[in-house]
Each structure stands twice: as structure tokens, then as C-alpha cells.
Amino acid sequence: LFLAFIALVPSLIESVTNISTFKGLGATSLLILVGVAIDTSKQVQTYLISKNYENILK
């Protein structure tokens, strides 16, 4: 359901705004951007947790 929503977002934006520049921004690009954002946030959380453990061990 989430992937279907992501796949339809560029078409919906294009039909609502009548701007055709969103054709280049396809569903695959959006999925990659969301995946990278999620991975980056997980890495930041892991780094902060590891720093917390280092402070506990000292």
C-alpha cells in the first residue's frame, strides 16, 4: 500500500499542479530517496546509542 502511494505521488502532483517537471521524478527515485533517508536516520541513532554506551563504560 505504501509503495503504491509512492508510485502514484508524481502523477498526482502533476495532475493537481499542471506542472510537467515531476515526470523526471519517478517512483523509483522517490523510493531511493526514502530508503536513503531511513538508512541515514538509523545510522545516526546507532551512533548516538554507541556514544551513550561509551560514556557508561568510562
Protein backbone atom coordinates (compact mmCIF):
# COMPACT_ATOMS: atom_id res chain seq x y z
CA LEU A 1 0.00 0.00 0.00
CA PHE A 2 2.84 2.36 0.89
CA LEU A 3 4.73 1.50 -2.31
CA ALA A 4 1.61 2.10 -4.38
CA PHE A 5 1.20 5.51 -2.77
CA ILE A 6 4.84 6.40 -3.51
CA ALA A 7 4.42 5.24 -7.10
CA LEU A 8 1.37 7.45 -7.61
CA VAL A 9 2.67 10.63 -5.94
CA PRO A 10 4.41 12.08 -9.03
CA SER A 11 1.30 11.56 -11.17
CA LEU A 12 -0.95 13.11 -8.53
CA ILE A 13 1.27 16.16 -8.11
CA GLU A 14 1.48 16.60 -11.86
CA SER A 15 -2.29 16.40 -12.33
CA VAL A 16 -3.05 18.79 -9.46
CA THR A 17 -0.45 21.44 -10.30
CA ASN A 18 -0.42 21.06 -14.11
CA ILE A 19 3.38 21.19 -13.98
CA SER A 20 5.16 18.58 -16.06
CA THR A 21 8.54 18.83 -14.30
CA PHE A 22 7.59 15.97 -11.98
CA LYS A 23 7.79 13.47 -14.86
CA GLY A 24 11.53 13.11 -14.25
CA LEU A 25 10.91 12.39 -10.58
CA GLY A 26 9.63 8.85 -10.85
CA ALA A 27 8.56 6.35 -8.26
CA THR A 28 11.97 4.68 -8.28
CA SER A 29 13.68 7.95 -7.42
CA LEU A 30 11.29 8.55 -4.55
CA LEU A 31 11.82 5.03 -3.22
CA ILE A 32 15.59 5.50 -3.33
CA LEU A 33 15.33 8.85 -1.51
CA VAL A 34 13.08 7.39 1.19
CA GLY A 35 15.38 4.38 1.60
CA VAL A 36 18.47 6.56 1.95
CA ALA A 37 16.73 8.83 4.46
CA ILE A 38 15.63 5.87 6.59
CA ASP A 39 19.08 4.28 6.46
CA THR A 40 20.77 7.56 7.41
CA SER A 41 18.47 8.08 10.38
CA LYS A 42 19.12 4.52 11.59
CA GLN A 43 22.88 5.06 11.34
CA VAL A 44 22.65 8.30 13.32
CA GLN A 45 20.58 6.58 16.01
CA THR A 46 23.10 3.72 16.20
CA TYR A 47 25.97 6.18 16.51
CA LEU A 48 24.25 8.06 19.33
CA ILE A 49 23.49 4.83 21.19
CA SER A 50 27.11 3.67 20.85
CA LYS A 51 28.34 7.01 22.21
CA ASN A 52 25.98 6.58 25.15
CA TYR A 53 27.43 3.13 25.88
CA GLU A 54 30.98 4.52 25.69
CA ASN A 55 30.08 7.09 28.35
CA ILE A 56 28.61 4.38 30.59
CA LEU A 57 31.77 2.24 30.36
CA LYS A 58 34.05 5.09 31.45
